[in-house]
Structure formats: structure tokens, C-alpha cells
Amino acid sequence: MPLTCLASHIDYFVRVDMTGFAEIVDVMGGVTISVAKDVIAPVYNRENGTHVMTTIPTGSQLLDGDLALAYARSGTGSNDYSRMARQRCVLTALAEQIDPLSLLPRLGDLLDTVKENLTTDISPEQIPALVNLAPLLSSERVLVVGFDRGYRLGSVAENSLRPDVDRIRAAVQQAITDPGAVDPDLGLTAAAEACQ
């Protein structure tokens, strides 16, 4: 059954190379994550291209770029939904921990890293307006729609899931028309809950 597009127009895009993501985390001095349970993850070594298995333990952890990337991407001992939740957790924690004043001394390094690893169609003229919006962002105000197992009706064939299109549309519609609503029945949660 074909799915129709839920949005007819995408205003802008940002694409980040994942190695670049790790470098951005490093330039920012790392990211502190509240790890809900131990995560076994292959940590990529940017210097020699190898992976080393490590355990990121439960509790509050300050992760460098390589560990943050491993934490977000690991599928070892978990499923896609857990991995997606960890990805939201890392992005939310990073956004919450950005301190423009502490970044000023590292601005040159950050801009170099972004230039090498980020592609976007946002024009340079639009950047100041986006920077001015940054203080208004809060993970309490960002609504997340997580299309987990509750958004499927079953399988149509082995390894082929049948999505609950009506439920997906209802969740997206509510997120757009009533962004203040947090409706766990539709899978809508605040981004601040990502690490819980």
C-alpha cells in the first residue's frame, strides 16, 4: 500500500556527516547524557578507522564526540526504537547544553568543522535570524513524534511492516495544529523526555 507524503513542501534541509557530528561534539567540549541503562557500543577511531567495543555505563556521563556517536548509533543489544530514542536524547542534550558565551573562544574551530561536515540550503543571510531564535528553544517546548511499534497494523510479509497511516496522520496533525499538546496515546512527547 503506497504512502502519500505527509508534507508537500520542505522549507530547508541540513545534512550533517556523522563523523562531523562527533567533531562538533568535541569542539563543544562534549555532551552530558543521562544514560538509562548500560549501552554496549562500537566506538569508531577516526585516526585509524577501527572500532573498539566499549560499555557506556548507566548514570550521568560526559561523552566525547566518538562516544556520543557510538551511544546514539549502537544497535548492540537493543532495537531500532531504543536507538532512535538515544539519538533524540543526544540531540536534545546537545541543544540544551549549548552555551554561546563558552563557545566564543572555540567559534573558529566550530565554524571550520561545520563548513567541512554540514550541507544546507539555508542562506547565510538567514543565519542571524536563526541565531536570535536559539534562546527561545527549549526541549520542554519541542514536540517529538516517535513512530514506534504502536504505529503499525502488523506485517504484510516477512520483514515488511504495514503502517497505521491514520494514526500517523492524526499524530502529525495534532503536533502541527496543537504543538502544546503532549499526548502519549499518539506517541507525542516533549523532547525533554528523550533521555528518560
N, C-alpha and C. Protein backbone atom coordinates (compact mmCIF):
# COMPACT_ATOMS: atom_id res chain seq x y z
N MET A 1 0.85 -1.16 0.00
CA MET A 1 0.00 0.00 0.00
C MET A 1 0.90 1.23 0.00
N PRO A 2 0.80 2.09 -1.00
CA PRO A 2 1.67 3.26 -1.07
C PRO A 2 1.30 4.29 -0.02
N LEU A 3 2.31 4.94 0.51
CA LEU A 3 2.09 6.02 1.47
C LEU A 3 2.15 7.35 0.76
N THR A 4 1.20 8.22 1.05
CA THR A 4 1.28 9.57 0.48
C THR A 4 2.14 10.42 1.40
N CYS A 5 2.75 11.42 0.84
CA CYS A 5 3.61 12.30 1.61
C CYS A 5 2.77 13.10 2.60
N LEU A 6 3.22 13.19 3.85
CA LEU A 6 2.50 13.95 4.87
C LEU A 6 2.74 15.44 4.73
N ALA A 7 3.84 15.82 4.13
CA ALA A 7 4.14 17.24 3.93
C ALA A 7 4.41 17.44 2.43
N SER A 8 3.88 18.49 1.88
CA SER A 8 4.06 18.70 0.45
C SER A 8 5.27 19.57 0.15
N HIS A 9 5.84 20.19 1.18
CA HIS A 9 6.94 21.11 0.94
C HIS A 9 7.90 21.08 2.12
N ILE A 10 9.17 20.99 1.84
CA ILE A 10 10.20 21.08 2.87
C ILE A 10 10.89 22.42 2.69
N ASP A 11 10.82 23.26 3.72
CA ASP A 11 11.38 24.61 3.60
C ASP A 11 12.89 24.61 3.46
N TYR A 12 13.58 23.90 4.37
CA TYR A 12 15.04 23.89 4.36
C TYR A 12 15.52 22.52 4.82
N PHE A 13 16.76 22.22 4.50
CA PHE A 13 17.34 20.99 4.99
C PHE A 13 18.73 21.27 5.55
N VAL A 14 19.15 20.40 6.46
CA VAL A 14 20.51 20.42 6.99
C VAL A 14 20.97 18.96 7.00
N ARG A 15 22.10 18.69 6.38
CA ARG A 15 22.66 17.35 6.37
C ARG A 15 24.01 17.41 7.06
N VAL A 16 24.20 16.54 8.06
CA VAL A 16 25.45 16.53 8.82
C VAL A 16 26.12 15.18 8.64
N ASP A 17 27.37 15.20 8.21
CA ASP A 17 28.17 13.98 8.15
C ASP A 17 28.37 13.50 9.58
N MET A 18 28.16 12.21 9.83
CA MET A 18 28.20 11.72 11.21
C MET A 18 29.58 11.86 11.85
N THR A 19 30.66 11.74 11.08
CA THR A 19 31.98 11.99 11.65
C THR A 19 32.07 13.45 12.06
N GLY A 20 31.47 14.30 11.25
CA GLY A 20 31.43 15.73 11.58
C GLY A 20 30.65 15.98 12.85
N PHE A 21 29.59 15.20 13.07
CA PHE A 21 28.81 15.33 14.30
C PHE A 21 29.72 15.08 15.50
N ALA A 22 30.53 14.04 15.42
CA ALA A 22 31.44 13.73 16.52
C ALA A 22 32.43 14.88 16.74
N GLU A 23 32.90 15.47 15.65
CA GLU A 23 33.84 16.59 15.77
C GLU A 23 33.17 17.81 16.39
N ILE A 24 31.90 18.06 16.03
CA ILE A 24 31.16 19.18 16.61
C ILE A 24 31.00 18.99 18.12
N VAL A 25 30.68 17.77 18.54
CA VAL A 25 30.55 17.47 19.97
C VAL A 25 31.88 17.74 20.67
N ASP A 26 32.98 17.34 20.04
CA ASP A 26 34.30 17.57 20.64
C ASP A 26 34.60 19.06 20.78
N VAL A 27 34.30 19.83 19.73
CA VAL A 27 34.55 21.28 19.78
C VAL A 27 33.74 21.92 20.90
N MET A 28 32.54 21.38 21.15
CA MET A 28 31.69 21.94 22.20
C MET A 28 32.10 21.46 23.59
N GLY A 29 33.11 20.62 23.68
CA GLY A 29 33.58 20.16 24.98
C GLY A 29 32.88 18.92 25.47
N GLY A 30 32.16 18.22 24.58
CA GLY A 30 31.45 17.00 24.95
C GLY A 30 29.99 17.28 25.26
N VAL A 31 29.27 16.22 25.57
CA VAL A 31 27.85 16.34 25.90
C VAL A 31 27.56 15.42 27.08
N THR A 32 26.82 15.94 28.06
CA THR A 32 26.46 15.14 29.22
C THR A 32 25.11 14.48 28.98
N ILE A 33 25.09 13.17 29.13
CA ILE A 33 23.90 12.37 28.88
C ILE A 33 23.54 11.61 30.15
N SER A 34 22.25 11.50 30.41
CA SER A 34 21.78 10.64 31.48
C SER A 34 21.48 9.28 30.86
N VAL A 35 22.39 8.34 31.03
CA VAL A 35 22.27 7.02 30.42
C VAL A 35 21.34 6.16 31.28
N ALA A 36 20.22 5.73 30.70
CA ALA A 36 19.20 4.98 31.46
C ALA A 36 19.65 3.57 31.79
N LYS A 37 20.38 2.92 30.88
CA LYS A 37 20.93 1.58 31.15
C LYS A 37 22.19 1.42 30.32
N ASP A 38 23.07 0.54 30.78
CA ASP A 38 24.34 0.32 30.09
C ASP A 38 24.11 0.13 28.59
N VAL A 39 24.97 0.75 27.79
CA VAL A 39 24.91 0.59 26.34
C VAL A 39 26.26 0.06 25.87
N ILE A 40 26.22 -1.09 25.18
CA ILE A 40 27.42 -1.65 24.58
C ILE A 40 27.49 -1.10 23.17
N ALA A 41 28.61 -0.46 22.84
CA ALA A 41 28.68 0.25 21.57
C ALA A 41 30.05 0.11 20.93
N PRO A 42 30.07 -0.01 19.59
CA PRO A 42 31.35 0.02 18.88
C PRO A 42 31.78 1.47 18.70
N VAL A 43 32.91 1.85 19.30
CA VAL A 43 33.40 3.22 19.20
C VAL A 43 34.38 3.29 18.03
N TYR A 44 34.09 4.19 17.10
CA TYR A 44 34.90 4.36 15.90
C TYR A 44 36.11 5.24 16.20
N ASN A 45 37.27 4.78 15.80
CA ASN A 45 38.50 5.55 15.96
C ASN A 45 38.76 6.29 14.66
N ARG A 46 38.61 7.62 14.69
CA ARG A 46 38.78 8.44 13.48
C ARG A 46 40.20 8.41 12.96
N GLU A 47 41.16 8.11 13.82
CA GLU A 47 42.57 8.12 13.42
C GLU A 47 42.92 6.92 12.55
N ASN A 48 42.44 5.73 12.93
CA ASN A 48 42.85 4.53 12.19
C ASN A 48 41.70 3.76 11.55
N GLY A 49 40.46 4.23 11.72
CA GLY A 49 39.31 3.61 11.06
C GLY A 49 38.85 2.30 11.67
N THR A 50 39.27 2.00 12.89
CA THR A 50 38.85 0.75 13.54
C THR A 50 37.73 1.03 14.54
N HIS A 51 37.09 -0.05 14.99
CA HIS A 51 36.06 0.04 16.03
C HIS A 51 36.51 -0.75 17.24
N VAL A 52 36.22 -0.23 18.43
CA VAL A 52 36.51 -0.94 19.68
C VAL A 52 35.22 -0.97 20.48
N MET A 53 34.83 -2.18 20.90
CA MET A 53 33.61 -2.30 21.71
C MET A 53 33.86 -1.76 23.11
N THR A 54 32.92 -0.98 23.60
CA THR A 54 33.02 -0.42 24.94
C THR A 54 31.64 -0.39 25.56
N THR A 55 31.58 -0.27 26.86
CA THR A 55 30.32 -0.15 27.57
C THR A 55 30.20 1.26 28.13
N ILE A 56 29.11 1.93 27.78
CA ILE A 56 28.81 3.25 28.34
C ILE A 56 27.88 2.97 29.51
N PRO A 57 28.35 3.21 30.75
CA PRO A 57 27.58 2.78 31.92
C PRO A 57 26.39 3.68 32.24
N THR A 58 25.46 3.10 32.99
CA THR A 58 24.29 3.82 33.48
C THR A 58 24.72 5.01 34.33
N GLY A 59 23.95 6.09 34.23
CA GLY A 59 24.22 7.28 35.04
C GLY A 59 24.58 8.47 34.18
N SER A 60 24.92 9.56 34.82
CA SER A 60 25.29 10.78 34.11
C SER A 60 26.71 10.62 33.56
N GLN A 61 26.85 10.78 32.25
CA GLN A 61 28.14 10.58 31.60
C GLN A 61 28.46 11.76 30.70
N LEU A 62 29.69 12.26 30.79
CA LEU A 62 30.18 13.26 29.84
C LEU A 62 30.84 12.49 28.71
N LEU A 63 30.24 12.57 27.52
CA LEU A 63 30.72 11.82 26.37
C LEU A 63 31.45 12.73 25.39
N ASP A 64 32.60 12.26 24.90
CA ASP A 64 33.26 12.99 23.82
C ASP A 64 32.50 12.66 22.53
N GLY A 65 32.96 13.21 21.42
CA GLY A 65 32.24 13.03 20.16
C GLY A 65 32.12 11.59 19.72
N ASP A 66 33.21 10.82 19.83
CA ASP A 66 33.17 9.43 19.39
C ASP A 66 32.23 8.60 20.26
N LEU A 67 32.27 8.82 21.58
CA LEU A 67 31.36 8.07 22.48
C LEU A 67 29.91 8.50 22.27
N ALA A 68 29.66 9.80 22.05
CA ALA A 68 28.30 10.27 21.81
C ALA A 68 27.74 9.65 20.54
N LEU A 69 28.56 9.58 19.51
CA LEU A 69 28.13 8.97 18.25
C LEU A 69 27.87 7.48 18.43
N ALA A 70 28.75 6.80 19.16
CA ALA A 70 28.57 5.37 19.41
C ALA A 70 27.30 5.12 20.23
N TYR A 71 27.07 5.95 21.24
CA TYR A 71 25.87 5.83 22.08
C TYR A 71 24.61 5.99 21.23
N ALA A 72 24.62 6.98 20.35
CA ALA A 72 23.44 7.27 19.54
C ALA A 72 23.18 6.22 18.48
N ARG A 73 24.22 5.60 17.96
CA ARG A 73 24.06 4.71 16.80
C ARG A 73 24.06 3.23 17.14
N SER A 74 24.47 2.86 18.34
CA SER A 74 24.62 1.44 18.65
C SER A 74 23.29 0.70 18.58
N GLY A 75 23.35 -0.46 17.93
CA GLY A 75 22.19 -1.35 17.89
C GLY A 75 22.46 -2.62 18.67
N THR A 76 23.62 -2.69 19.31
CA THR A 76 24.00 -3.88 20.06
C THR A 76 23.10 -4.06 21.28
N GLY A 77 22.42 -5.19 21.33
CA GLY A 77 21.57 -5.50 22.48
C GLY A 77 20.34 -4.62 22.60
N SER A 78 19.95 -3.95 21.52
CA SER A 78 18.75 -3.11 21.56
C SER A 78 18.05 -3.20 20.22
N ASN A 79 17.03 -2.37 20.04
CA ASN A 79 16.30 -2.38 18.77
C ASN A 79 16.31 -0.98 18.16
N ASP A 80 15.69 -0.85 17.00
CA ASP A 80 15.68 0.44 16.30
C ASP A 80 15.01 1.53 17.13
N TYR A 81 13.98 1.17 17.88
CA TYR A 81 13.25 2.18 18.67
C TYR A 81 14.12 2.73 19.81
N SER A 82 14.87 1.84 20.45
CA SER A 82 15.79 2.28 21.51
C SER A 82 16.87 3.16 20.92
N ARG A 83 17.38 2.78 19.76
CA ARG A 83 18.42 3.56 19.11
C ARG A 83 17.90 4.95 18.73
N MET A 84 16.69 5.01 18.18
CA MET A 84 16.11 6.31 17.82
C MET A 84 15.91 7.18 19.06
N ALA A 85 15.51 6.57 20.17
CA ALA A 85 15.34 7.33 21.42
C ALA A 85 16.69 7.88 21.89
N ARG A 86 17.75 7.08 21.78
CA ARG A 86 19.08 7.56 22.17
C ARG A 86 19.55 8.69 21.26
N GLN A 87 19.22 8.61 19.97
CA GLN A 87 19.59 9.69 19.05
C GLN A 87 18.89 11.00 19.46
N ARG A 88 17.60 10.90 19.77
CA ARG A 88 16.87 12.10 20.23
C ARG A 88 17.47 12.62 21.53
N CYS A 89 17.87 11.71 22.41
CA CYS A 89 18.47 12.09 23.68
C CYS A 89 19.74 12.90 23.46
N VAL A 90 20.62 12.42 22.58
CA VAL A 90 21.89 13.12 22.32
C VAL A 90 21.62 14.50 21.72
N LEU A 91 20.75 14.57 20.73
CA LEU A 91 20.46 15.86 20.09
C LEU A 91 19.83 16.84 21.07
N THR A 92 18.90 16.35 21.90
CA THR A 92 18.24 17.21 22.88
C THR A 92 19.25 17.70 23.91
N ALA A 93 20.08 16.79 24.42
CA ALA A 93 21.08 17.18 25.43
C ALA A 93 22.06 18.19 24.85
N LEU A 94 22.48 17.97 23.62
CA LEU A 94 23.41 18.89 22.97
C LEU A 94 22.78 20.28 22.83
N ALA A 95 21.54 20.33 22.38
CA ALA A 95 20.85 21.61 22.22
C ALA A 95 20.68 22.32 23.56
N GLU A 96 20.37 21.57 24.61
CA GLU A 96 20.17 22.15 25.93
C GLU A 96 21.48 22.68 26.53
N GLN A 97 22.60 22.06 26.17
CA GLN A 97 23.87 22.40 26.79
C GLN A 97 24.69 23.43 26.01
N ILE A 98 24.18 23.88 24.88
CA ILE A 98 24.90 24.90 24.12
C ILE A 98 24.90 26.21 24.91
N ASP A 99 26.07 26.71 25.15
CA ASP A 99 26.24 28.00 25.82
C ASP A 99 27.02 28.91 24.89
N PRO A 100 26.32 29.87 24.24
CA PRO A 100 27.01 30.72 23.26
C PRO A 100 28.25 31.41 23.80
N LEU A 101 28.25 31.83 25.06
CA LEU A 101 29.42 32.52 25.61
C LEU A 101 30.63 31.60 25.72
N SER A 102 30.39 30.36 26.14
CA SER A 102 31.53 29.45 26.25
C SER A 102 32.02 28.98 24.88
N LEU A 103 31.17 29.11 23.86
CA LEU A 103 31.57 28.71 22.52
C LEU A 103 32.40 29.78 21.81
N LEU A 104 32.31 31.02 22.27
CA LEU A 104 33.02 32.11 21.58
C LEU A 104 34.51 31.82 21.36
N PRO A 105 35.25 31.35 22.37
CA PRO A 105 36.67 31.08 22.14
C PRO A 105 36.90 29.96 21.12
N ARG A 106 35.90 29.10 20.94
CA ARG A 106 36.04 27.96 20.02
C ARG A 106 35.29 28.17 18.71
N LEU A 107 34.80 29.38 18.49
CA LEU A 107 33.95 29.66 17.34
C LEU A 107 34.66 29.34 16.02
N GLY A 108 35.93 29.70 15.90
CA GLY A 108 36.68 29.41 14.68
C GLY A 108 36.73 27.92 14.38
N ASP A 109 37.04 27.11 15.41
CA ASP A 109 37.08 25.65 15.24
C ASP A 109 35.70 25.11 14.87
N LEU A 110 34.67 25.64 15.55
CA LEU A 110 33.32 25.18 15.28
C LEU A 110 32.91 25.49 13.84
N LEU A 111 33.19 26.70 13.39
CA LEU A 111 32.83 27.08 12.02
C LEU A 111 33.59 26.24 11.00
N ASP A 112 34.86 25.96 11.26
CA ASP A 112 35.63 25.11 10.35
C ASP A 112 35.02 23.71 10.27
N THR A 113 34.66 23.15 11.43
CA THR A 113 34.07 21.81 11.48
C THR A 113 32.73 21.79 10.76
N VAL A 114 31.91 22.81 11.00
CA VAL A 114 30.61 22.89 10.34
C VAL A 114 30.79 23.01 8.83
N LYS A 115 31.71 23.85 8.41
CA LYS A 115 31.95 24.05 6.97
C LYS A 115 32.34 22.75 6.28
N GLU A 116 33.14 21.93 6.96
CA GLU A 116 33.61 20.68 6.37
C GLU A 116 32.56 19.57 6.39
N ASN A 117 31.61 19.63 7.31
CA ASN A 117 30.74 18.47 7.54
C ASN A 117 29.25 18.75 7.43
N LEU A 118 28.86 19.95 7.10
CA LEU A 118 27.44 20.28 7.08
C LEU A 118 27.07 20.86 5.71
N THR A 119 25.94 20.40 5.18
CA THR A 119 25.40 20.92 3.93
C THR A 119 23.99 21.39 4.21
N THR A 120 23.64 22.58 3.71
CA THR A 120 22.29 23.11 3.92
C THR A 120 21.94 24.06 2.79
N ASP A 121 20.64 24.29 2.64
CA ASP A 121 20.20 25.30 1.69
C ASP A 121 19.73 26.57 2.41
N ILE A 122 20.03 26.67 3.71
CA ILE A 122 19.74 27.89 4.46
C ILE A 122 20.80 28.91 4.04
N SER A 123 20.36 30.09 3.64
CA SER A 123 21.30 31.09 3.15
C SER A 123 22.02 31.77 4.32
N PRO A 124 23.22 32.29 4.07
CA PRO A 124 23.95 33.00 5.13
C PRO A 124 23.15 34.19 5.69
N GLU A 125 22.32 34.80 4.85
CA GLU A 125 21.52 35.94 5.32
C GLU A 125 20.48 35.53 6.36
N GLN A 126 20.08 34.25 6.37
CA GLN A 126 19.07 33.77 7.31
C GLN A 126 19.65 33.36 8.66
N ILE A 127 20.95 33.17 8.72
CA ILE A 127 21.59 32.68 9.94
C ILE A 127 21.37 33.60 11.14
N PRO A 128 21.54 34.93 11.00
CA PRO A 128 21.32 35.78 12.18
C PRO A 128 19.92 35.64 12.79
N ALA A 129 18.90 35.51 11.95
CA ALA A 129 17.54 35.34 12.46
C ALA A 129 17.41 34.02 13.23
N LEU A 130 18.06 32.97 12.72
CA LEU A 130 18.01 31.68 13.41
C LEU A 130 18.76 31.73 14.73
N VAL A 131 19.89 32.43 14.74
CA VAL A 131 20.66 32.59 15.99
C VAL A 131 19.83 33.33 17.02
N ASN A 132 19.08 34.34 16.58
CA ASN A 132 18.22 35.09 17.51
C ASN A 132 17.09 34.24 18.08
N LEU A 133 16.68 33.20 17.34
CA LEU A 133 15.63 32.30 17.83
C LEU A 133 16.16 31.28 18.84
N ALA A 134 17.45 31.02 18.80
CA ALA A 134 18.03 29.96 19.64
C ALA A 134 17.67 30.08 21.12
N PRO A 135 17.71 31.28 21.74
CA PRO A 135 17.37 31.35 23.16
C PRO A 135 15.91 30.98 23.46
N LEU A 136 15.06 31.02 22.44
CA LEU A 136 13.64 30.69 22.65
C LEU A 136 13.39 29.19 22.62
N LEU A 137 14.37 28.44 22.13
CA LEU A 137 14.20 26.99 22.04
C LEU A 137 14.39 26.35 23.40
N SER A 138 13.54 25.41 23.67
CA SER A 138 13.63 24.64 24.91
C SER A 138 13.13 23.24 24.62
N SER A 139 13.80 22.25 25.17
CA SER A 139 13.36 20.88 24.94
C SER A 139 11.98 20.63 25.54
N GLU A 140 11.55 21.52 26.45
CA GLU A 140 10.19 21.41 27.00
C GLU A 140 9.15 21.81 25.98
N ARG A 141 9.57 22.68 25.01
CA ARG A 141 8.62 23.21 24.02
C ARG A 141 8.67 22.49 22.68
N VAL A 142 9.64 21.59 22.51
CA VAL A 142 9.77 20.85 21.26
C VAL A 142 9.00 19.55 21.40
N LEU A 143 8.08 19.32 20.46
CA LEU A 143 7.26 18.12 20.49
C LEU A 143 7.86 17.07 19.57
N VAL A 144 7.96 15.85 20.06
CA VAL A 144 8.55 14.75 19.30
C VAL A 144 7.44 13.76 18.96
N VAL A 145 7.42 13.36 17.69
CA VAL A 145 6.50 12.30 17.27
C VAL A 145 7.37 11.09 16.97
N GLY A 146 7.30 10.10 17.84
CA GLY A 146 8.10 8.89 17.66
C GLY A 146 7.25 7.78 17.10
N PHE A 147 7.46 7.42 15.85
CA PHE A 147 6.66 6.38 15.21
C PHE A 147 7.20 5.01 15.61
N ASP A 148 6.78 4.56 16.79
CA ASP A 148 7.25 3.29 17.31
C ASP A 148 6.33 2.15 16.88
N ARG A 149 6.41 1.03 17.59
CA ARG A 149 5.60 -0.15 17.24
C ARG A 149 4.10 0.14 17.23
N GLY A 150 3.67 1.12 18.02
CA GLY A 150 2.24 1.45 18.07
C GLY A 150 1.70 2.03 16.79
N TYR A 151 2.57 2.34 15.85
CA TYR A 151 2.16 2.92 14.57
C TYR A 151 2.13 1.90 13.44
N ARG A 152 2.05 0.63 13.80
CA ARG A 152 1.94 -0.38 12.75
C ARG A 152 0.72 -1.25 13.00
N LEU A 153 0.17 -1.73 11.90
CA LEU A 153 -1.01 -2.58 11.97
C LEU A 153 -0.65 -4.05 11.91
N GLY A 154 0.58 -4.34 11.64
CA GLY A 154 1.02 -5.72 11.52
C GLY A 154 1.97 -5.84 10.36
N SER A 155 2.15 -7.06 9.89
CA SER A 155 3.06 -7.31 8.78
C SER A 155 2.29 -7.78 7.56
N VAL A 156 2.75 -7.35 6.40
CA VAL A 156 2.14 -7.84 5.16
C VAL A 156 2.97 -8.97 4.56
N ALA A 157 4.22 -9.02 4.93
CA ALA A 157 5.13 -10.09 4.52
C ALA A 157 6.29 -10.08 5.50
N GLU A 158 7.11 -11.10 5.45
CA GLU A 158 8.24 -11.14 6.37
C GLU A 158 9.11 -9.90 6.19
N ASN A 159 9.42 -9.25 7.29
CA ASN A 159 10.23 -8.03 7.31
C ASN A 159 9.59 -6.86 6.58
N SER A 160 8.29 -6.89 6.42
CA SER A 160 7.59 -5.79 5.77
C SER A 160 6.41 -5.38 6.65
N LEU A 161 6.53 -4.23 7.30
CA LEU A 161 5.50 -3.78 8.24
C LEU A 161 4.43 -2.98 7.53
N ARG A 162 3.22 -3.10 8.03
CA ARG A 162 2.09 -2.33 7.50
C ARG A 162 1.82 -1.18 8.45
N PRO A 163 2.09 0.06 8.03
CA PRO A 163 1.93 1.21 8.92
C PRO A 163 0.47 1.56 9.15
N ASP A 164 0.17 2.10 10.31
CA ASP A 164 -1.16 2.62 10.64
C ASP A 164 -1.19 4.08 10.18
N VAL A 165 -1.48 4.27 8.91
CA VAL A 165 -1.41 5.59 8.29
C VAL A 165 -2.35 6.58 8.97
N ASP A 166 -3.54 6.14 9.36
CA ASP A 166 -4.49 7.05 10.02
C ASP A 166 -3.92 7.57 11.34
N ARG A 167 -3.29 6.68 12.11
CA ARG A 167 -2.72 7.10 13.39
C ARG A 167 -1.52 8.02 13.17
N ILE A 168 -0.71 7.74 12.17
CA ILE A 168 0.43 8.60 11.84
C ILE A 168 -0.06 9.99 11.48
N ARG A 169 -1.06 10.07 10.61
CA ARG A 169 -1.60 11.37 10.20
C ARG A 169 -2.19 12.13 11.38
N ALA A 170 -2.91 11.43 12.27
CA ALA A 170 -3.52 12.08 13.44
C ALA A 170 -2.43 12.67 14.34
N ALA A 171 -1.35 11.93 14.54
CA ALA A 171 -0.26 12.41 15.40
C ALA A 171 0.42 13.63 14.78
N VAL A 172 0.71 13.56 13.50
CA VAL A 172 1.36 14.69 12.84
C VAL A 172 0.44 15.90 12.83
N GLN A 173 -0.84 15.69 12.55
CA GLN A 173 -1.80 16.80 12.54
C GLN A 173 -1.88 17.47 13.91
N GLN A 174 -1.94 16.66 14.97
CA GLN A 174 -2.00 17.23 16.31
C GLN A 174 -0.72 17.98 16.65
N ALA A 175 0.43 17.43 16.25
CA ALA A 175 1.71 18.09 16.53
C ALA A 175 1.79 19.45 15.83
N ILE A 176 1.19 19.55 14.64
CA ILE A 176 1.23 20.81 13.89
C ILE A 176 0.20 21.80 14.40
N THR A 177 -1.03 21.34 14.63
CA THR A 177 -2.11 22.27 15.00
C THR A 177 -2.16 22.58 16.48
N ASP A 178 -1.64 21.68 17.33
CA ASP A 178 -1.67 21.92 18.77
C ASP A 178 -0.34 21.50 19.37
N PRO A 179 0.75 22.25 19.04
CA PRO A 179 2.07 21.83 19.49
C PRO A 179 2.24 21.82 21.00
N GLY A 180 1.33 22.44 21.74
CA GLY A 180 1.41 22.40 23.19
C GLY A 180 0.91 21.09 23.77
N ALA A 181 0.30 20.28 22.93
CA ALA A 181 -0.29 19.02 23.40
C ALA A 181 0.77 17.95 23.53
N VAL A 182 0.77 17.28 24.64
CA VAL A 182 1.60 16.09 24.81
C VAL A 182 0.62 14.95 25.01
N ASP A 183 0.52 14.08 24.01
CA ASP A 183 -0.47 13.02 24.02
C ASP A 183 0.24 11.67 23.89
N PRO A 184 0.54 11.03 25.02
CA PRO A 184 1.24 9.74 24.96
C PRO A 184 0.48 8.69 24.15
N ASP A 185 -0.86 8.81 24.09
CA ASP A 185 -1.63 7.84 23.30
C ASP A 185 -1.30 7.91 21.82
N LEU A 186 -0.88 9.09 21.36
CA LEU A 186 -0.47 9.24 19.96
C LEU A 186 1.06 9.23 19.82
N GLY A 187 1.76 8.98 20.89
CA GLY A 187 3.21 8.93 20.82
C GLY A 187 3.85 10.30 20.83
N LEU A 188 3.11 11.34 21.25
CA LEU A 188 3.65 12.69 21.29
C LEU A 188 4.26 12.94 22.67
N THR A 189 5.52 13.29 22.68
CA THR A 189 6.19 13.58 23.95
C THR A 189 7.04 14.84 23.79
N ALA A 190 7.38 15.44 24.89
CA ALA A 190 8.29 16.59 24.86
C ALA A 190 9.71 16.08 24.64
N ALA A 191 10.51 16.83 23.88
CA ALA A 191 11.89 16.42 23.62
C ALA A 191 12.68 16.26 24.91
N ALA A 192 12.29 17.00 25.96
CA ALA A 192 13.00 16.92 27.24
C ALA A 192 12.94 15.52 27.84
N GLU A 193 11.96 14.72 27.41
CA GLU A 193 11.81 13.36 27.94
C GLU A 193 12.67 12.35 27.20
N ALA A 194 13.44 12.80 26.22
CA ALA A 194 14.19 11.88 25.36
C ALA A 194 15.17 11.01 26.12
N CYS A 195 15.77 11.51 27.18
CA CYS A 195 16.78 10.75 27.91
C CYS A 195 16.21 9.97 29.09
N GLN A 196 14.92 9.93 29.21
CA GLN A 196 14.33 9.24 30.37
C GLN A 196 14.04 7.79 30.07
